């Protein structure tokens, strides 16, 4: 069960890395578009929660305070992709209102590509381990 969950986390991480690559590519494509704001995705918190589930740790659930009985109650999200897409506001905006920095975007794309490749390598290694166990068990019979 633990191995299956680890494989699920790797697959989720690959999905998020793929989404991040698309966002960065979109930023690069719009480097000269007036008033375009660079977008990015945050998924580290989601992966940390999933890793904590693997270790059977209970995370505290924070309830939203209700000051009026007509307020809606909070509900936990069951979304398969709990990534938060946001506009990067830390980069200076040019005169045309665009805040895409070519150097930052290419650096982020390189980092993201390396992380994606590392995840693929981990997934292949895990798959090879299972394959060797299956092949060894078939030879025993």
N, C-alpha and C. Protein backbone atom coordinates (compact mmCIF):
# COMPACT_ATOMS: atom_id res chain seq x y z
N UNK A 1 0.83 -1.20 0.00
CA UNK A 1 0.00 0.00 0.00
C UNK A 1 0.86 1.25 0.00
N UNK A 2 1.94 1.24 0.79
CA UNK A 2 2.80 2.40 0.87
C UNK A 2 3.46 2.69 -0.47
N UNK A 3 3.86 1.67 -1.19
CA UNK A 3 4.49 1.86 -2.49
C UNK A 3 3.49 2.43 -3.48
N UNK A 4 2.24 1.96 -3.43
CA UNK A 4 1.22 2.47 -4.32
C UNK A 4 0.99 3.95 -4.07
N UNK A 5 0.92 4.35 -2.81
CA UNK A 5 0.73 5.76 -2.49
C UNK A 5 1.92 6.58 -2.97
N UNK A 6 3.13 6.06 -2.82
CA UNK A 6 4.30 6.79 -3.29
C UNK A 6 4.24 6.98 -4.80
N UNK A 7 3.80 5.95 -5.50
CA UNK A 7 3.65 6.05 -6.96
C UNK A 7 2.60 7.09 -7.31
N UNK A 8 1.54 7.17 -6.51
CA UNK A 8 0.50 8.17 -6.76
C UNK A 8 1.04 9.58 -6.56
N UNK A 9 1.87 9.76 -5.55
CA UNK A 9 2.46 11.08 -5.31
C UNK A 9 3.38 11.46 -6.45
N UNK A 10 4.17 10.51 -6.93
CA UNK A 10 5.06 10.79 -8.06
C UNK A 10 4.23 11.18 -9.28
N UNK A 11 3.13 10.48 -9.52
CA UNK A 11 2.28 10.81 -10.66
C UNK A 11 1.66 12.19 -10.51
N UNK A 12 1.22 12.54 -9.30
CA UNK A 12 0.67 13.88 -9.06
C UNK A 12 1.74 14.93 -9.29
N UNK A 13 2.95 14.67 -8.79
CA UNK A 13 4.05 15.62 -8.96
C UNK A 13 4.36 15.80 -10.44
N UNK A 14 4.30 14.72 -11.21
CA UNK A 14 4.51 14.83 -12.66
C UNK A 14 3.42 15.68 -13.31
N UNK A 15 2.17 15.49 -12.88
CA UNK A 15 1.07 16.30 -13.40
C UNK A 15 1.31 17.78 -13.11
N UNK A 16 1.71 18.08 -11.88
CA UNK A 16 1.94 19.46 -11.50
C UNK A 16 3.13 20.06 -12.26
N UNK A 17 4.19 19.29 -12.42
CA UNK A 17 5.35 19.78 -13.17
C UNK A 17 4.97 20.05 -14.62
N UNK A 18 4.12 19.22 -15.19
CA UNK A 18 3.65 19.43 -16.55
C UNK A 18 2.83 20.71 -16.64
N UNK A 19 1.95 20.94 -15.66
CA UNK A 19 1.16 22.16 -15.62
C UNK A 19 2.06 23.38 -15.49
N UNK A 20 3.07 23.28 -14.65
CA UNK A 20 4.00 24.40 -14.45
C UNK A 20 4.75 24.70 -15.75
N UNK A 21 5.15 23.66 -16.47
CA UNK A 21 5.85 23.85 -17.74
C UNK A 21 4.96 24.61 -18.73
N UNK A 22 3.68 24.26 -18.76
CA UNK A 22 2.75 24.94 -19.67
C UNK A 22 2.58 26.41 -19.29
N UNK A 23 2.51 26.69 -17.99
CA UNK A 23 2.37 28.08 -17.55
C UNK A 23 3.60 28.90 -17.89
N UNK A 24 4.78 28.32 -17.67
CA UNK A 24 6.01 29.04 -17.98
C UNK A 24 6.13 29.26 -19.49
N UNK A 25 5.76 28.26 -20.28
CA UNK A 25 5.78 28.42 -21.74
C UNK A 25 4.82 29.53 -22.16
N UNK A 26 3.67 29.61 -21.50
CA UNK A 26 2.72 30.69 -21.79
C UNK A 26 3.30 32.05 -21.43
N UNK A 27 4.01 32.10 -20.32
CA UNK A 27 4.66 33.36 -19.93
C UNK A 27 5.68 33.78 -20.99
N UNK A 28 6.49 32.81 -21.44
CA UNK A 28 7.50 33.12 -22.45
C UNK A 28 6.85 33.55 -23.77
N UNK A 29 5.75 32.93 -24.12
CA UNK A 29 5.08 33.28 -25.37
C UNK A 29 4.50 34.69 -25.31
N UNK A 30 4.21 35.16 -24.11
CA UNK A 30 3.61 36.49 -23.95
C UNK A 30 4.58 37.53 -23.41
N UNK A 31 5.87 37.31 -23.63
CA UNK A 31 6.89 38.22 -23.11
C UNK A 31 6.72 39.64 -23.66
N UNK A 32 6.15 39.79 -24.84
CA UNK A 32 5.96 41.12 -25.44
C UNK A 32 4.50 41.57 -25.46
N UNK A 33 3.62 40.85 -24.80
CA UNK A 33 2.21 41.21 -24.77
C UNK A 33 1.97 42.29 -23.71
N UNK A 34 1.45 43.43 -24.11
CA UNK A 34 1.20 44.48 -23.12
C UNK A 34 0.22 44.04 -22.03
N UNK A 35 0.49 44.42 -20.81
CA UNK A 35 -0.33 44.17 -19.62
C UNK A 35 -0.44 42.68 -19.25
N UNK A 36 0.39 41.84 -19.85
CA UNK A 36 0.39 40.41 -19.47
C UNK A 36 1.13 40.26 -18.15
N UNK A 37 0.56 39.47 -17.25
CA UNK A 37 1.19 39.21 -15.96
C UNK A 37 1.62 37.75 -15.91
N UNK A 38 2.85 37.52 -15.49
CA UNK A 38 3.40 36.17 -15.41
C UNK A 38 2.59 35.33 -14.42
N UNK A 39 2.33 34.07 -14.81
CA UNK A 39 1.58 33.15 -13.95
C UNK A 39 2.49 32.01 -13.53
N UNK A 40 2.17 31.44 -12.38
CA UNK A 40 2.92 30.29 -11.87
C UNK A 40 1.95 29.43 -11.08
N UNK A 41 2.42 28.29 -10.63
CA UNK A 41 1.58 27.36 -9.90
C UNK A 41 2.29 26.96 -8.62
N UNK A 42 1.52 26.81 -7.55
CA UNK A 42 2.06 26.37 -6.27
C UNK A 42 1.40 25.05 -5.90
N UNK A 43 2.19 24.02 -5.76
CA UNK A 43 1.63 22.71 -5.42
C UNK A 43 2.41 22.03 -4.31
N UNK A 44 3.42 22.68 -3.77
CA UNK A 44 4.25 22.07 -2.74
C UNK A 44 3.46 21.73 -1.49
N UNK A 45 2.51 22.60 -1.11
CA UNK A 45 1.70 22.33 0.08
C UNK A 45 0.86 21.07 -0.10
N UNK A 46 0.31 20.89 -1.30
CA UNK A 46 -0.49 19.70 -1.59
C UNK A 46 0.36 18.44 -1.46
N UNK A 47 1.56 18.46 -2.03
CA UNK A 47 2.42 17.28 -1.96
C UNK A 47 2.88 17.02 -0.53
N UNK A 48 3.09 18.06 0.25
CA UNK A 48 3.47 17.88 1.66
C UNK A 48 2.34 17.21 2.43
N UNK A 49 1.10 17.60 2.14
CA UNK A 49 -0.05 16.97 2.80
C UNK A 49 -0.14 15.49 2.44
N UNK A 50 0.08 15.18 1.16
CA UNK A 50 0.04 13.79 0.72
C UNK A 50 1.16 12.97 1.36
N UNK A 51 2.33 13.56 1.50
CA UNK A 51 3.44 12.86 2.15
C UNK A 51 3.13 12.62 3.62
N UNK A 52 2.48 13.58 4.27
CA UNK A 52 2.09 13.40 5.67
C UNK A 52 1.06 12.27 5.80
N UNK A 53 0.17 12.14 4.82
CA UNK A 53 -0.79 11.04 4.85
C UNK A 53 -0.08 9.70 4.80
N UNK A 54 1.02 9.64 4.03
CA UNK A 54 1.79 8.40 3.96
C UNK A 54 2.34 8.00 5.31
N UNK A 55 2.72 8.98 6.08
CA UNK A 55 3.29 8.71 7.41
C UNK A 55 2.21 8.59 8.48
N UNK A 56 0.95 8.58 8.05
CA UNK A 56 -0.20 8.44 8.94
C UNK A 56 -0.28 9.55 9.98
N UNK A 57 0.14 10.71 9.60
CA UNK A 57 0.01 11.86 10.48
C UNK A 57 -1.33 12.52 10.20
N UNK A 58 -1.99 12.94 11.26
CA UNK A 58 -3.24 13.66 11.08
C UNK A 58 -2.94 15.15 11.03
N UNK A 59 -3.43 15.79 9.99
CA UNK A 59 -3.27 17.23 9.86
C UNK A 59 -4.48 17.91 10.50
N UNK A 60 -4.25 18.98 11.22
CA UNK A 60 -5.39 19.67 11.82
C UNK A 60 -6.26 20.30 10.75
N UNK A 61 -7.55 20.24 10.97
CA UNK A 61 -8.50 20.85 10.05
C UNK A 61 -8.95 22.15 10.68
N UNK A 62 -8.71 23.24 9.99
CA UNK A 62 -9.10 24.54 10.50
C UNK A 62 -10.49 24.88 9.99
N UNK A 63 -11.36 25.19 10.91
CA UNK A 63 -12.72 25.56 10.56
C UNK A 63 -12.80 27.07 10.39
N UNK A 64 -13.61 27.51 9.47
CA UNK A 64 -13.83 28.93 9.26
C UNK A 64 -14.82 29.41 10.31
N UNK A 65 -14.49 30.53 10.94
CA UNK A 65 -15.37 31.09 11.96
C UNK A 65 -16.65 31.60 11.30
N UNK A 66 -17.78 31.28 11.93
CA UNK A 66 -19.07 31.74 11.44
C UNK A 66 -19.62 32.75 12.46
N UNK A 67 -19.73 34.00 12.03
CA UNK A 67 -20.25 35.04 12.92
C UNK A 67 -21.73 35.26 12.73
N UNK A 68 -22.30 34.60 11.74
CA UNK A 68 -23.71 34.74 11.44
C UNK A 68 -24.24 33.36 11.06
N UNK A 69 -25.41 32.96 11.56
CA UNK A 69 -25.92 31.63 11.22
C UNK A 69 -26.20 31.44 9.73
N UNK A 70 -26.28 32.53 8.98
CA UNK A 70 -26.54 32.42 7.54
C UNK A 70 -25.26 32.19 6.73
N UNK A 71 -24.10 32.29 7.38
CA UNK A 71 -22.84 32.03 6.68
C UNK A 71 -22.76 30.57 6.24
N UNK A 72 -22.14 30.35 5.10
CA UNK A 72 -21.95 28.99 4.61
C UNK A 72 -20.86 28.30 5.40
N UNK A 73 -21.00 27.00 5.58
CA UNK A 73 -19.97 26.25 6.29
C UNK A 73 -18.87 25.86 5.32
N UNK A 74 -17.66 25.64 5.87
CA UNK A 74 -16.54 25.26 5.01
C UNK A 74 -16.62 23.78 4.67
N UNK A 75 -16.10 23.45 3.50
CA UNK A 75 -16.06 22.06 3.06
C UNK A 75 -14.66 21.75 2.60
N UNK A 76 -14.19 20.54 2.90
CA UNK A 76 -12.86 20.12 2.45
C UNK A 76 -12.89 19.90 0.95
N UNK A 77 -11.80 20.26 0.29
CA UNK A 77 -11.69 20.08 -1.14
C UNK A 77 -11.28 18.65 -1.46
N UNK A 78 -11.97 18.03 -2.40
CA UNK A 78 -11.62 16.68 -2.84
C UNK A 78 -11.08 16.69 -4.26
N UNK A 79 -10.62 17.83 -4.70
CA UNK A 79 -10.12 17.96 -6.06
C UNK A 79 -8.87 17.11 -6.26
N UNK A 80 -8.75 16.54 -7.45
CA UNK A 80 -7.57 15.73 -7.72
C UNK A 80 -6.34 16.62 -7.97
N UNK A 81 -6.57 17.84 -8.41
CA UNK A 81 -5.47 18.77 -8.60
C UNK A 81 -5.69 19.98 -7.70
N UNK A 82 -5.00 20.01 -6.58
CA UNK A 82 -5.13 21.10 -5.63
C UNK A 82 -4.00 22.10 -5.81
N UNK A 83 -3.67 22.39 -7.03
CA UNK A 83 -2.61 23.36 -7.29
C UNK A 83 -3.23 24.75 -7.31
N UNK A 84 -2.46 25.71 -6.84
CA UNK A 84 -2.93 27.08 -6.81
C UNK A 84 -2.19 27.87 -7.88
N UNK A 85 -2.93 28.33 -8.90
CA UNK A 85 -2.33 29.15 -9.94
C UNK A 85 -2.45 30.60 -9.49
N UNK A 86 -1.33 31.32 -9.58
CA UNK A 86 -1.33 32.70 -9.12
C UNK A 86 -0.52 33.57 -10.08
N UNK A 87 -0.72 34.88 -9.97
CA UNK A 87 0.05 35.83 -10.74
C UNK A 87 1.28 36.20 -9.94
N UNK A 88 2.43 36.14 -10.58
CA UNK A 88 3.66 36.54 -9.90
C UNK A 88 3.69 38.06 -9.81
N UNK A 89 3.79 38.57 -8.61
CA UNK A 89 3.81 40.01 -8.43
C UNK A 89 5.16 40.52 -7.99
N UNK A 90 6.14 39.64 -7.88
CA UNK A 90 7.44 40.04 -7.36
C UNK A 90 8.35 40.64 -8.43
N UNK A 91 8.02 40.44 -9.70
CA UNK A 91 8.86 40.96 -10.77
C UNK A 91 8.44 42.39 -11.10
N UNK A 92 9.40 43.24 -11.40
CA UNK A 92 9.04 44.62 -11.76
C UNK A 92 8.28 44.66 -13.07
N UNK A 93 7.33 45.55 -13.13
CA UNK A 93 6.52 45.72 -14.34
C UNK A 93 7.18 46.74 -15.26
N UNK A 94 7.21 46.40 -16.54
CA UNK A 94 7.78 47.32 -17.52
C UNK A 94 6.76 48.43 -17.83
N UNK A 95 7.17 49.37 -18.67
CA UNK A 95 6.29 50.48 -19.03
C UNK A 95 5.01 50.03 -19.71
N UNK A 96 5.05 48.88 -20.41
CA UNK A 96 3.85 48.39 -21.10
C UNK A 96 2.95 47.55 -20.20
N UNK A 97 3.29 47.45 -18.90
CA UNK A 97 2.45 46.72 -17.95
C UNK A 97 2.77 45.24 -17.87
N UNK A 98 3.71 44.76 -18.66
CA UNK A 98 4.09 43.34 -18.67
C UNK A 98 5.16 43.11 -17.61
N UNK A 99 5.03 42.02 -16.83
CA UNK A 99 6.04 41.74 -15.80
C UNK A 99 6.81 40.44 -16.05
N UNK A 100 6.78 39.93 -17.28
CA UNK A 100 7.51 38.71 -17.61
C UNK A 100 8.99 39.05 -17.77
N UNK A 101 9.84 38.36 -17.00
CA UNK A 101 11.29 38.53 -17.10
C UNK A 101 11.85 37.30 -17.80
N UNK A 102 12.44 37.50 -18.95
CA UNK A 102 12.93 36.39 -19.78
C UNK A 102 13.95 35.54 -19.03
N UNK A 103 14.85 36.16 -18.29
CA UNK A 103 15.87 35.41 -17.55
C UNK A 103 15.24 34.54 -16.47
N UNK A 104 14.29 35.09 -15.75
CA UNK A 104 13.64 34.32 -14.67
C UNK A 104 12.84 33.17 -15.24
N UNK A 105 12.11 33.43 -16.31
CA UNK A 105 11.28 32.37 -16.91
C UNK A 105 12.13 31.22 -17.44
N UNK A 106 13.23 31.54 -18.12
CA UNK A 106 14.07 30.46 -18.65
C UNK A 106 14.75 29.68 -17.52
N UNK A 107 15.12 30.38 -16.45
CA UNK A 107 15.70 29.70 -15.29
C UNK A 107 14.68 28.78 -14.64
N UNK A 108 13.44 29.28 -14.46
CA UNK A 108 12.38 28.46 -13.85
C UNK A 108 12.04 27.26 -14.74
N UNK A 109 12.07 27.46 -16.05
CA UNK A 109 11.78 26.36 -16.96
C UNK A 109 12.87 25.29 -16.86
N UNK A 110 14.12 25.71 -16.74
CA UNK A 110 15.22 24.75 -16.60
C UNK A 110 15.09 23.97 -15.29
N UNK A 111 14.80 24.67 -14.20
CA UNK A 111 14.62 23.99 -12.91
C UNK A 111 13.46 23.01 -12.97
N UNK A 112 12.36 23.43 -13.58
CA UNK A 112 11.19 22.57 -13.68
C UNK A 112 11.49 21.34 -14.52
N UNK A 113 12.23 21.51 -15.61
CA UNK A 113 12.60 20.38 -16.47
C UNK A 113 13.47 19.38 -15.72
N UNK A 114 14.42 19.89 -14.93
CA UNK A 114 15.27 18.99 -14.14
C UNK A 114 14.45 18.20 -13.12
N UNK A 115 13.51 18.88 -12.46
CA UNK A 115 12.66 18.19 -11.48
C UNK A 115 11.77 17.15 -12.16
N UNK A 116 11.24 17.49 -13.32
CA UNK A 116 10.41 16.55 -14.08
C UNK A 116 11.24 15.32 -14.47
N UNK A 117 12.46 15.55 -14.96
CA UNK A 117 13.33 14.43 -15.34
C UNK A 117 13.69 13.56 -14.14
N UNK A 118 13.90 14.19 -12.98
CA UNK A 118 14.21 13.43 -11.76
C UNK A 118 13.01 12.57 -11.35
N UNK A 119 11.82 13.10 -11.48
CA UNK A 119 10.62 12.33 -11.15
C UNK A 119 10.44 11.15 -12.11
N UNK A 120 10.70 11.39 -13.39
CA UNK A 120 10.62 10.30 -14.38
C UNK A 120 11.63 9.21 -14.04
N UNK A 121 12.85 9.59 -13.67
CA UNK A 121 13.88 8.61 -13.30
C UNK A 121 13.45 7.81 -12.08
N UNK A 122 12.86 8.47 -11.09
CA UNK A 122 12.40 7.77 -9.89
C UNK A 122 11.28 6.79 -10.25
N UNK A 123 10.38 7.21 -11.12
CA UNK A 123 9.28 6.34 -11.52
C UNK A 123 9.81 5.12 -12.29
N UNK A 124 10.78 5.34 -13.18
CA UNK A 124 11.38 4.23 -13.94
C UNK A 124 12.08 3.26 -13.00
N UNK A 125 12.81 3.79 -12.03
CA UNK A 125 13.53 2.94 -11.08
C UNK A 125 12.55 2.09 -10.29
N UNK A 126 11.47 2.71 -9.83
CA UNK A 126 10.45 1.98 -9.08
C UNK A 126 9.82 0.89 -9.94
N UNK A 127 9.57 1.20 -11.21
CA UNK A 127 8.99 0.23 -12.14
C UNK A 127 9.95 -0.93 -12.38
N UNK A 128 11.24 -0.63 -12.51
CA UNK A 128 12.23 -1.69 -12.74
C UNK A 128 12.34 -2.64 -11.54
N UNK A 129 12.19 -2.09 -10.35
CA UNK A 129 12.24 -2.93 -9.14
C UNK A 129 11.09 -3.93 -9.17
N UNK A 130 9.88 -3.45 -9.47
CA UNK A 130 8.73 -4.35 -9.53
C UNK A 130 8.88 -5.37 -10.65
N UNK A 131 9.41 -4.94 -11.77
CA UNK A 131 9.60 -5.84 -12.90
C UNK A 131 10.59 -6.95 -12.55
N UNK A 132 11.67 -6.60 -11.86
CA UNK A 132 12.66 -7.62 -11.49
C UNK A 132 12.09 -8.60 -10.46
N UNK A 133 11.24 -8.11 -9.55
CA UNK A 133 10.60 -9.00 -8.58
C UNK A 133 9.66 -9.97 -9.27
N UNK A 134 8.89 -9.48 -10.23
CA UNK A 134 7.95 -10.33 -10.97
C UNK A 134 8.72 -11.37 -11.79
N UNK A 135 9.79 -10.95 -12.46
CA UNK A 135 10.57 -11.88 -13.25
C UNK A 135 11.24 -12.94 -12.36
N UNK A 136 11.74 -12.52 -11.20
CA UNK A 136 12.38 -13.47 -10.28
C UNK A 136 11.37 -14.47 -9.73
N UNK A 137 10.14 -13.99 -9.44
CA UNK A 137 9.14 -14.90 -8.89
C UNK A 137 8.65 -15.88 -9.95
N UNK A 138 8.66 -15.50 -11.23
CA UNK A 138 8.23 -16.41 -12.27
C UNK A 138 9.27 -17.51 -12.52
N UNK A 139 10.54 -17.23 -12.26
CA UNK A 139 11.60 -18.22 -12.45
C UNK A 139 11.60 -19.26 -11.33
N UNK A 140 11.10 -18.89 -10.15
CA UNK A 140 11.10 -19.79 -9.00
C UNK A 140 10.14 -20.95 -9.23
N UNK A 141 9.06 -20.71 -9.89
CA UNK A 141 8.04 -21.76 -10.08
C UNK A 141 8.54 -22.75 -11.00
